[in-house]
């Protein structure tokens, strides 16, 4: 019976959530409501086509915007605060592996939550690795690889991402 339940969950994820709900036939202003129906904790937000989810462990804060083709591997919780903007093809990962011996280096899976504070802007194709927290008002540059926690109101860029400068309340790009 457990196998049937597991396969049912995979079907819901792959066909319903990552197929139908992620398709362009669903308007972005409606998608957050439909994601709520399948167990995602989503407040009123805009979610573009192509969002890929690993599970239902996702919170999307009010007035957030998730752009086209984002991938959220949420085997642990991912929390996106209110008024956040994720650029196209942003990846948020919550799964890694413990290092194993030479016969197979990727050992047992390890799951760590990712938290994104209020008002954060994450640029196109940035990647957040398992366990990171991005502080309120931070900006993650396009293509950045976030491997560590990010301080609030700070601009991060690079691979790996490093603090570039502290942002004031009046900073604009």
N, C-alpha and C. Protein backbone atom coordinates (compact mmCIF):
# COMPACT_ATOMS: atom_id res chain seq x y z
N UNK A 1 0.82 -1.20 0.00
CA UNK A 1 0.00 0.00 0.00
C UNK A 1 0.86 1.27 0.00
N UNK A 2 2.02 1.22 0.71
CA UNK A 2 2.92 2.37 0.72
C UNK A 2 3.44 2.69 -0.67
N UNK A 3 3.74 1.66 -1.46
CA UNK A 3 4.22 1.86 -2.84
C UNK A 3 3.17 2.57 -3.67
N UNK A 4 1.92 2.19 -3.51
CA UNK A 4 0.82 2.81 -4.26
C UNK A 4 0.70 4.28 -3.86
N UNK A 5 0.80 4.56 -2.57
CA UNK A 5 0.72 5.93 -2.08
C UNK A 5 1.89 6.78 -2.62
N UNK A 6 3.10 6.20 -2.58
CA UNK A 6 4.28 6.90 -3.11
C UNK A 6 4.11 7.21 -4.59
N UNK A 7 3.65 6.22 -5.35
CA UNK A 7 3.44 6.43 -6.79
C UNK A 7 2.36 7.46 -7.05
N UNK A 8 1.33 7.48 -6.22
CA UNK A 8 0.28 8.48 -6.35
C UNK A 8 0.82 9.88 -6.11
N UNK A 9 1.69 10.03 -5.11
CA UNK A 9 2.29 11.33 -4.82
C UNK A 9 3.18 11.78 -5.97
N UNK A 10 3.93 10.87 -6.55
CA UNK A 10 4.78 11.19 -7.69
C UNK A 10 3.92 11.60 -8.88
N UNK A 11 2.81 10.92 -9.09
CA UNK A 11 1.91 11.27 -10.19
C UNK A 11 1.35 12.68 -9.99
N UNK A 12 0.89 12.97 -8.78
CA UNK A 12 0.36 14.31 -8.49
C UNK A 12 1.42 15.36 -8.77
N UNK A 13 2.64 15.11 -8.32
CA UNK A 13 3.72 16.08 -8.54
C UNK A 13 4.03 16.23 -10.02
N UNK A 14 4.29 15.12 -10.71
CA UNK A 14 4.76 15.18 -12.09
C UNK A 14 3.69 15.58 -13.09
N UNK A 15 2.49 15.05 -12.94
CA UNK A 15 1.43 15.31 -13.92
C UNK A 15 0.62 16.54 -13.56
N UNK A 16 0.14 16.60 -12.35
CA UNK A 16 -0.75 17.69 -11.97
C UNK A 16 0.02 18.98 -11.68
N UNK A 17 0.97 18.94 -10.75
CA UNK A 17 1.67 20.15 -10.32
C UNK A 17 2.67 20.62 -11.36
N UNK A 18 3.60 19.74 -11.77
CA UNK A 18 4.66 20.14 -12.69
C UNK A 18 4.26 20.01 -14.16
N UNK A 19 3.10 19.48 -14.42
CA UNK A 19 2.58 19.40 -15.79
C UNK A 19 1.50 20.42 -16.00
N UNK A 20 0.30 20.09 -15.59
CA UNK A 20 -0.86 20.95 -15.84
C UNK A 20 -0.73 22.33 -15.18
N UNK A 21 -0.48 22.37 -13.86
CA UNK A 21 -0.43 23.66 -13.16
C UNK A 21 0.75 24.52 -13.60
N UNK A 22 1.81 23.90 -14.08
CA UNK A 22 2.99 24.65 -14.53
C UNK A 22 2.88 25.08 -15.98
N UNK A 23 1.86 24.62 -16.68
CA UNK A 23 1.75 24.92 -18.11
C UNK A 23 1.27 26.35 -18.35
N UNK A 24 1.50 26.79 -19.56
CA UNK A 24 1.10 28.14 -19.95
C UNK A 24 -0.39 28.34 -20.07
N UNK A 25 -1.19 27.28 -19.99
CA UNK A 25 -2.64 27.45 -20.11
C UNK A 25 -3.27 27.99 -18.83
N UNK A 26 -2.50 27.92 -17.73
CA UNK A 26 -3.00 28.44 -16.45
C UNK A 26 -2.45 29.85 -16.27
N UNK A 27 -3.31 30.86 -16.15
CA UNK A 27 -2.83 32.23 -15.96
C UNK A 27 -2.05 32.37 -14.65
N UNK A 28 -0.98 33.18 -14.69
CA UNK A 28 -0.12 33.29 -13.51
C UNK A 28 -0.84 33.82 -12.29
N UNK A 29 -1.85 34.68 -12.45
CA UNK A 29 -2.56 35.23 -11.30
C UNK A 29 -3.52 34.21 -10.68
N UNK A 30 -3.73 33.06 -11.35
CA UNK A 30 -4.59 31.99 -10.83
C UNK A 30 -3.76 30.85 -10.24
N UNK A 31 -2.54 30.71 -10.74
CA UNK A 31 -1.70 29.55 -10.37
C UNK A 31 -1.50 29.43 -8.86
N UNK A 32 -1.31 30.53 -8.14
CA UNK A 32 -1.10 30.43 -6.69
C UNK A 32 -2.30 29.80 -6.00
N UNK A 33 -3.51 30.09 -6.50
CA UNK A 33 -4.72 29.49 -5.90
C UNK A 33 -4.75 27.99 -6.13
N UNK A 34 -4.39 27.58 -7.34
CA UNK A 34 -4.39 26.15 -7.65
C UNK A 34 -3.30 25.42 -6.88
N UNK A 35 -2.15 26.07 -6.68
CA UNK A 35 -1.09 25.46 -5.87
C UNK A 35 -1.58 25.24 -4.42
N UNK A 36 -2.39 26.15 -3.92
CA UNK A 36 -2.97 25.98 -2.58
C UNK A 36 -3.82 24.71 -2.51
N UNK A 37 -4.55 24.43 -3.59
CA UNK A 37 -5.41 23.23 -3.62
C UNK A 37 -4.61 21.93 -3.49
N UNK A 38 -3.34 21.95 -3.92
CA UNK A 38 -2.52 20.74 -3.80
C UNK A 38 -1.60 20.77 -2.58
N UNK A 39 -1.81 21.76 -1.68
CA UNK A 39 -1.10 21.75 -0.40
C UNK A 39 0.02 22.76 -0.23
N UNK A 40 0.31 23.56 -1.24
CA UNK A 40 1.33 24.60 -1.10
C UNK A 40 0.72 25.74 -0.27
N UNK A 41 1.50 26.32 0.64
CA UNK A 41 1.03 27.45 1.45
C UNK A 41 1.34 28.74 0.70
N UNK A 42 0.44 29.13 -0.17
CA UNK A 42 0.66 30.29 -1.02
C UNK A 42 -0.34 31.39 -0.71
N UNK A 43 0.17 32.59 -0.51
CA UNK A 43 -0.69 33.76 -0.40
C UNK A 43 -0.80 34.40 -1.78
N UNK A 44 -1.61 35.43 -1.90
CA UNK A 44 -1.83 36.07 -3.19
C UNK A 44 -0.50 36.50 -3.79
N UNK A 45 -0.16 35.94 -4.94
CA UNK A 45 1.12 36.18 -5.57
C UNK A 45 1.00 35.91 -7.07
N UNK A 46 2.07 36.11 -7.79
CA UNK A 46 2.10 35.81 -9.23
C UNK A 46 3.13 34.72 -9.46
N UNK A 47 2.70 33.60 -10.02
CA UNK A 47 3.58 32.47 -10.29
C UNK A 47 3.50 32.17 -11.78
N UNK A 48 4.60 32.37 -12.48
CA UNK A 48 4.63 32.17 -13.94
C UNK A 48 4.72 30.69 -14.29
N UNK A 49 4.51 30.41 -15.56
CA UNK A 49 4.57 29.04 -16.08
C UNK A 49 5.97 28.45 -15.92
N UNK A 50 6.02 27.15 -15.84
CA UNK A 50 7.29 26.43 -15.79
C UNK A 50 7.85 26.19 -14.41
N UNK A 51 7.13 26.57 -13.35
CA UNK A 51 7.61 26.30 -12.00
C UNK A 51 7.63 24.80 -11.76
N UNK A 52 8.78 24.28 -11.32
CA UNK A 52 8.92 22.86 -10.99
C UNK A 52 9.08 22.74 -9.49
N UNK A 53 8.25 21.89 -8.87
CA UNK A 53 8.31 21.65 -7.43
C UNK A 53 8.61 20.18 -7.15
N UNK A 54 9.40 19.93 -6.11
CA UNK A 54 9.70 18.56 -5.71
C UNK A 54 8.65 17.99 -4.77
N UNK A 55 8.09 18.84 -3.90
CA UNK A 55 7.05 18.42 -2.95
C UNK A 55 6.13 19.60 -2.70
N UNK A 56 5.29 19.48 -1.70
CA UNK A 56 4.37 20.56 -1.32
C UNK A 56 4.96 21.46 -0.24
N UNK A 57 6.16 21.21 0.19
CA UNK A 57 6.78 21.97 1.30
C UNK A 57 7.26 23.34 0.81
N UNK A 58 6.30 24.22 0.58
CA UNK A 58 6.62 25.54 0.05
C UNK A 58 5.66 26.56 0.62
N UNK A 59 6.21 27.70 1.06
CA UNK A 59 5.41 28.84 1.47
C UNK A 59 5.77 30.01 0.57
N UNK A 60 4.76 30.64 -0.01
CA UNK A 60 4.96 31.81 -0.86
C UNK A 60 4.23 32.98 -0.22
N UNK A 61 4.97 34.01 0.13
CA UNK A 61 4.39 35.17 0.79
C UNK A 61 3.61 36.07 -0.15
N UNK A 62 2.77 36.88 0.43
CA UNK A 62 1.89 37.80 -0.30
C UNK A 62 2.70 38.74 -1.21
N UNK A 63 2.16 38.94 -2.41
CA UNK A 63 2.71 39.85 -3.42
C UNK A 63 4.08 39.44 -3.94
N UNK A 64 4.44 38.18 -3.78
CA UNK A 64 5.71 37.71 -4.35
C UNK A 64 5.50 37.38 -5.82
N UNK A 65 6.60 37.35 -6.56
CA UNK A 65 6.58 37.07 -8.00
C UNK A 65 7.62 36.01 -8.30
N UNK A 66 7.16 34.89 -8.87
CA UNK A 66 8.06 33.80 -9.26
C UNK A 66 8.03 33.72 -10.78
N UNK A 67 9.16 34.01 -11.40
CA UNK A 67 9.25 34.13 -12.85
C UNK A 67 9.31 32.76 -13.53
N UNK A 68 9.36 32.78 -14.84
CA UNK A 68 9.30 31.57 -15.67
C UNK A 68 10.45 30.61 -15.39
N UNK A 69 10.12 29.32 -15.35
CA UNK A 69 11.11 28.26 -15.32
C UNK A 69 11.87 28.09 -14.03
N UNK A 70 11.35 28.55 -12.91
CA UNK A 70 12.05 28.35 -11.63
C UNK A 70 11.92 26.89 -11.19
N UNK A 71 12.94 26.43 -10.48
CA UNK A 71 12.97 25.05 -9.99
C UNK A 71 13.18 25.09 -8.48
N UNK A 72 12.24 24.51 -7.76
CA UNK A 72 12.33 24.47 -6.30
C UNK A 72 12.30 23.02 -5.85
N UNK A 73 13.49 22.52 -5.48
CA UNK A 73 13.65 21.15 -4.99
C UNK A 73 13.39 21.19 -3.50
N UNK A 74 12.14 21.12 -3.12
CA UNK A 74 11.76 21.36 -1.73
C UNK A 74 11.46 20.08 -0.97
N UNK A 75 12.48 19.23 -0.84
CA UNK A 75 12.33 18.05 0.02
C UNK A 75 12.34 18.46 1.49
N UNK A 76 12.88 19.65 1.76
CA UNK A 76 12.74 20.32 3.06
C UNK A 76 11.99 21.62 2.76
N UNK A 77 11.54 22.31 3.79
CA UNK A 77 10.73 23.51 3.58
C UNK A 77 11.50 24.63 2.89
N UNK A 78 10.82 25.28 1.96
CA UNK A 78 11.29 26.52 1.35
C UNK A 78 10.28 27.59 1.70
N UNK A 79 10.76 28.66 2.32
CA UNK A 79 9.89 29.77 2.71
C UNK A 79 10.31 31.02 1.96
N UNK A 80 9.41 31.53 1.15
CA UNK A 80 9.63 32.75 0.38
C UNK A 80 8.77 33.83 1.01
N UNK A 81 9.41 34.85 1.53
CA UNK A 81 8.70 35.90 2.25
C UNK A 81 7.83 36.75 1.34
N UNK A 82 7.13 37.71 1.93
CA UNK A 82 6.28 38.61 1.14
C UNK A 82 7.11 39.55 0.27
N UNK A 83 6.53 39.96 -0.86
CA UNK A 83 7.11 40.93 -1.77
C UNK A 83 8.47 40.54 -2.30
N UNK A 84 8.69 39.25 -2.52
CA UNK A 84 9.94 38.77 -3.10
C UNK A 84 9.79 38.64 -4.60
N UNK A 85 10.89 38.77 -5.31
CA UNK A 85 10.91 38.61 -6.76
C UNK A 85 12.00 37.62 -7.13
N UNK A 86 11.60 36.52 -7.77
CA UNK A 86 12.55 35.53 -8.27
C UNK A 86 12.61 35.66 -9.78
N UNK A 87 13.81 35.86 -10.32
CA UNK A 87 14.00 35.98 -11.76
C UNK A 87 13.80 34.65 -12.46
N UNK A 88 13.87 34.67 -13.80
CA UNK A 88 13.69 33.44 -14.56
C UNK A 88 14.74 32.39 -14.22
N UNK A 89 14.31 31.17 -14.15
CA UNK A 89 15.17 29.99 -13.97
C UNK A 89 16.00 30.00 -12.69
N UNK A 90 15.48 30.62 -11.64
CA UNK A 90 16.13 30.54 -10.33
C UNK A 90 15.97 29.10 -9.82
N UNK A 91 17.02 28.58 -9.20
CA UNK A 91 16.97 27.24 -8.60
C UNK A 91 17.17 27.36 -7.09
N UNK A 92 16.26 26.70 -6.36
CA UNK A 92 16.36 26.64 -4.90
C UNK A 92 16.43 25.16 -4.54
N UNK A 93 17.55 24.76 -3.95
CA UNK A 93 17.79 23.35 -3.65
C UNK A 93 17.79 23.11 -2.15
N UNK A 94 17.15 22.03 -1.74
CA UNK A 94 17.14 21.67 -0.32
C UNK A 94 17.75 20.29 -0.07
N UNK A 95 18.18 19.63 -1.11
CA UNK A 95 18.74 18.28 -0.98
C UNK A 95 20.20 18.27 -1.38
N UNK A 96 21.01 17.62 -0.57
CA UNK A 96 22.40 17.35 -0.91
C UNK A 96 22.69 15.93 -0.46
N UNK A 97 23.91 15.52 -0.56
CA UNK A 97 24.31 14.17 -0.13
C UNK A 97 25.51 14.27 0.80
N UNK A 98 25.58 13.37 1.75
CA UNK A 98 26.77 13.23 2.56
C UNK A 98 27.83 12.56 1.69
N UNK A 99 29.08 12.94 1.89
CA UNK A 99 30.18 12.33 1.12
C UNK A 99 30.34 10.89 1.55
N UNK A 100 30.45 10.00 0.57
CA UNK A 100 30.63 8.59 0.86
C UNK A 100 31.99 8.14 0.33
N UNK A 101 32.24 6.84 0.37
CA UNK A 101 33.55 6.33 -0.04
C UNK A 101 33.70 6.32 -1.56
N UNK A 102 34.82 5.84 -2.02
CA UNK A 102 35.17 5.88 -3.44
C UNK A 102 34.26 5.06 -4.35
N UNK A 103 33.52 4.11 -3.79
CA UNK A 103 32.65 3.31 -4.64
C UNK A 103 31.42 4.08 -5.09
N UNK A 104 31.01 5.06 -4.29
CA UNK A 104 29.91 5.96 -4.67
C UNK A 104 29.98 7.19 -3.78
N UNK A 105 30.50 8.28 -4.30
CA UNK A 105 30.75 9.48 -3.50
C UNK A 105 29.49 10.12 -2.96
N UNK A 106 28.39 10.08 -3.72
CA UNK A 106 27.13 10.67 -3.23
C UNK A 106 26.48 9.67 -2.28
N UNK A 107 26.64 9.92 -0.99
CA UNK A 107 26.10 9.02 0.02
C UNK A 107 24.65 9.33 0.34
N UNK A 108 24.30 9.15 1.58
CA UNK A 108 22.92 9.35 2.03
C UNK A 108 22.47 10.79 1.79
N UNK A 109 21.18 10.93 1.47
CA UNK A 109 20.62 12.27 1.25
C UNK A 109 20.54 13.04 2.56
N UNK A 110 20.72 14.36 2.43
CA UNK A 110 20.57 15.26 3.56
C UNK A 110 19.67 16.40 3.08
N UNK A 111 18.65 16.74 3.88
CA UNK A 111 17.67 17.76 3.51
C UNK A 111 17.76 18.93 4.47
N UNK A 112 17.87 20.15 3.91
CA UNK A 112 17.99 21.36 4.73
C UNK A 112 17.10 22.45 4.14
N UNK A 113 16.33 23.10 5.00
CA UNK A 113 15.40 24.15 4.57
C UNK A 113 16.12 25.38 4.04
N UNK A 114 15.40 26.13 3.20
CA UNK A 114 15.88 27.41 2.68
C UNK A 114 14.84 28.47 3.04
N UNK A 115 15.31 29.62 3.52
CA UNK A 115 14.42 30.69 3.92
C UNK A 115 14.82 31.98 3.22
N UNK A 116 13.84 32.63 2.61
CA UNK A 116 14.06 33.89 1.90
C UNK A 116 13.21 34.94 2.57
N UNK A 117 13.85 35.99 3.06
CA UNK A 117 13.16 37.04 3.82
C UNK A 117 12.29 37.93 2.96
N UNK A 118 11.67 38.89 3.58
CA UNK A 118 10.75 39.81 2.91
C UNK A 118 11.50 40.74 1.97
N UNK A 119 10.88 41.03 0.82
CA UNK A 119 11.41 42.02 -0.10
C UNK A 119 12.68 41.66 -0.82
N UNK A 120 13.03 40.39 -0.87
CA UNK A 120 14.26 39.93 -1.51
C UNK A 120 14.09 39.89 -3.02
N UNK A 121 15.16 40.21 -3.75
CA UNK A 121 15.19 40.10 -5.21
C UNK A 121 16.30 39.12 -5.57
N UNK A 122 15.92 38.05 -6.27
CA UNK A 122 16.89 37.04 -6.71
C UNK A 122 16.92 37.08 -8.23
N UNK A 123 18.09 37.38 -8.79
CA UNK A 123 18.26 37.55 -10.23
C UNK A 123 18.20 36.24 -11.00
N UNK A 124 18.06 36.37 -12.32
CA UNK A 124 17.93 35.24 -13.23
C UNK A 124 19.04 34.21 -13.04
N UNK A 125 18.63 32.95 -13.05
CA UNK A 125 19.53 31.80 -12.98
C UNK A 125 20.43 31.74 -11.75
N UNK A 126 20.07 32.45 -10.71
CA UNK A 126 20.80 32.32 -9.45
C UNK A 126 20.42 30.97 -8.84
N UNK A 127 21.31 30.42 -8.03
CA UNK A 127 21.08 29.14 -7.36
C UNK A 127 21.32 29.29 -5.88
N UNK A 128 20.35 28.84 -5.08
CA UNK A 128 20.48 28.83 -3.62
C UNK A 128 20.65 27.37 -3.19
N UNK A 129 21.72 27.09 -2.47
CA UNK A 129 22.00 25.74 -2.02
C UNK A 129 21.31 25.43 -0.70
N UNK A 130 21.23 24.14 -0.34
CA UNK A 130 20.51 23.73 0.87
C UNK A 130 21.00 24.43 2.13
N UNK A 131 20.02 24.82 2.97
CA UNK A 131 20.31 25.34 4.29
C UNK A 131 20.55 26.83 4.37
N UNK A 132 20.49 27.57 3.25
CA UNK A 132 20.79 29.00 3.32
C UNK A 132 19.57 29.82 3.74
N UNK A 133 19.86 30.96 4.34
CA UNK A 133 18.86 31.95 4.68
C UNK A 133 19.28 33.25 4.02
N UNK A 134 18.34 33.88 3.31
CA UNK A 134 18.58 35.17 2.68
C UNK A 134 17.80 36.20 3.47
N UNK A 135 18.51 37.17 4.04
CA UNK A 135 17.89 38.17 4.91
C UNK A 135 16.99 39.14 4.16
N UNK A 136 16.10 39.79 4.91
CA UNK A 136 15.16 40.76 4.34
C UNK A 136 15.87 41.79 3.48
N UNK A 137 15.27 42.11 2.34
CA UNK A 137 15.77 43.18 1.49
C UNK A 137 17.08 42.92 0.78
N UNK A 138 17.58 41.70 0.83
CA UNK A 138 18.83 41.37 0.14
C UNK A 138 18.58 41.27 -1.36
N UNK A 139 19.65 41.43 -2.14
CA UNK A 139 19.60 41.26 -3.59
C UNK A 139 20.66 40.23 -3.96
N UNK A 140 20.24 39.21 -4.71
CA UNK A 140 21.15 38.18 -5.20
C UNK A 140 21.28 38.41 -6.70
N UNK A 141 22.48 38.67 -7.18
CA UNK A 141 22.70 38.99 -8.59
C UNK A 141 22.43 37.78 -9.48
N UNK A 142 22.13 38.07 -10.74
CA UNK A 142 21.90 37.02 -11.73
C UNK A 142 23.12 36.09 -11.79
N UNK A 143 22.85 34.79 -11.83
CA UNK A 143 23.90 33.80 -11.95
C UNK A 143 24.68 33.50 -10.68
N UNK A 144 24.35 34.13 -9.58
CA UNK A 144 25.08 33.91 -8.33
C UNK A 144 24.80 32.52 -7.77
N UNK A 145 25.78 31.99 -7.07
CA UNK A 145 25.65 30.69 -6.39
C UNK A 145 25.73 30.95 -4.89
N UNK A 146 24.58 30.87 -4.21
CA UNK A 146 24.51 31.18 -2.79
C UNK A 146 24.79 29.91 -1.99
N UNK A 147 25.94 29.90 -1.30
CA UNK A 147 26.36 28.74 -0.53
C UNK A 147 26.27 28.98 0.98
N UNK A 148 26.09 30.26 1.37
CA UNK A 148 26.04 30.64 2.79
C UNK A 148 24.91 31.63 3.01
N UNK A 149 24.57 31.84 4.27
CA UNK A 149 23.53 32.81 4.62
C UNK A 149 23.90 34.20 4.11
N UNK A 150 22.89 34.97 3.75
CA UNK A 150 23.06 36.33 3.24
C UNK A 150 22.46 37.32 4.22
N UNK A 151 23.20 38.36 4.54
CA UNK A 151 22.76 39.39 5.47
C UNK A 151 21.64 40.22 4.86
N UNK A 152 20.78 40.77 5.69
CA UNK A 152 19.72 41.66 5.18
C UNK A 152 20.30 42.88 4.47
N UNK A 153 19.57 43.39 3.50
CA UNK A 153 19.88 44.64 2.82
C UNK A 153 21.32 44.69 2.30
N UNK A 154 21.74 43.59 1.69
CA UNK A 154 23.09 43.48 1.14
C UNK A 154 22.99 42.89 -0.26
N UNK A 155 23.84 43.37 -1.18
CA UNK A 155 23.91 42.85 -2.53
C UNK A 155 24.97 41.77 -2.59
N UNK A 156 24.60 40.60 -3.13
CA UNK A 156 25.51 39.46 -3.27
C UNK A 156 25.65 39.13 -4.74
N UNK A 157 26.88 38.79 -5.16
CA UNK A 157 27.14 38.41 -6.54
C UNK A 157 28.30 37.43 -6.59
N UNK A 158 28.36 36.65 -7.67
CA UNK A 158 29.51 35.78 -7.91
C UNK A 158 29.25 34.32 -7.63
N UNK A 159 30.30 33.53 -7.92
CA UNK A 159 30.29 32.08 -7.72
C UNK A 159 31.56 31.72 -6.97
N UNK A 160 31.47 31.44 -5.68
CA UNK A 160 30.28 31.53 -4.84
C UNK A 160 29.92 33.00 -4.56
N UNK A 161 28.68 33.23 -4.17
CA UNK A 161 28.20 34.59 -3.91
C UNK A 161 28.93 35.20 -2.72
N UNK A 162 29.32 36.46 -2.91
CA UNK A 162 30.00 37.23 -1.86
C UNK A 162 29.27 38.56 -1.71
N UNK A 163 29.31 39.13 -0.53
CA UNK A 163 28.72 40.44 -0.30
C UNK A 163 29.49 41.47 -1.11
N UNK A 164 28.76 42.25 -1.92
CA UNK A 164 29.37 43.29 -2.74
C UNK A 164 29.27 44.64 -2.05
N UNK A 165 28.08 44.92 -1.50
CA UNK A 165 27.90 46.17 -0.76
C UNK A 165 26.62 46.11 0.06
N UNK A 166 26.58 46.94 1.07
CA UNK A 166 25.37 47.09 1.89
C UNK A 166 24.45 48.07 1.18
N UNK A 167 23.17 47.77 1.18
CA UNK A 167 22.18 48.61 0.51
C UNK A 167 21.49 49.51 1.52
N UNK A 168 21.32 50.77 1.15
CA UNK A 168 20.57 51.69 2.01
C UNK A 168 19.10 51.63 1.62
N UNK A 169 18.27 52.26 2.39
CA UNK A 169 16.82 52.28 2.10
C UNK A 169 16.52 52.95 0.76
N UNK A 170 17.37 53.85 0.31
CA UNK A 170 17.10 54.59 -0.92
C UNK A 170 17.86 54.05 -2.12
N UNK A 171 18.66 52.99 -1.96
CA UNK A 171 19.40 52.42 -3.09
C UNK A 171 18.45 51.91 -4.16
N UNK A 172 18.82 52.15 -5.39
CA UNK A 172 18.13 51.54 -6.52
C UNK A 172 19.18 51.15 -7.53
N UNK A 173 18.83 50.24 -8.42
CA UNK A 173 19.82 49.69 -9.35
C UNK A 173 20.24 50.68 -10.40
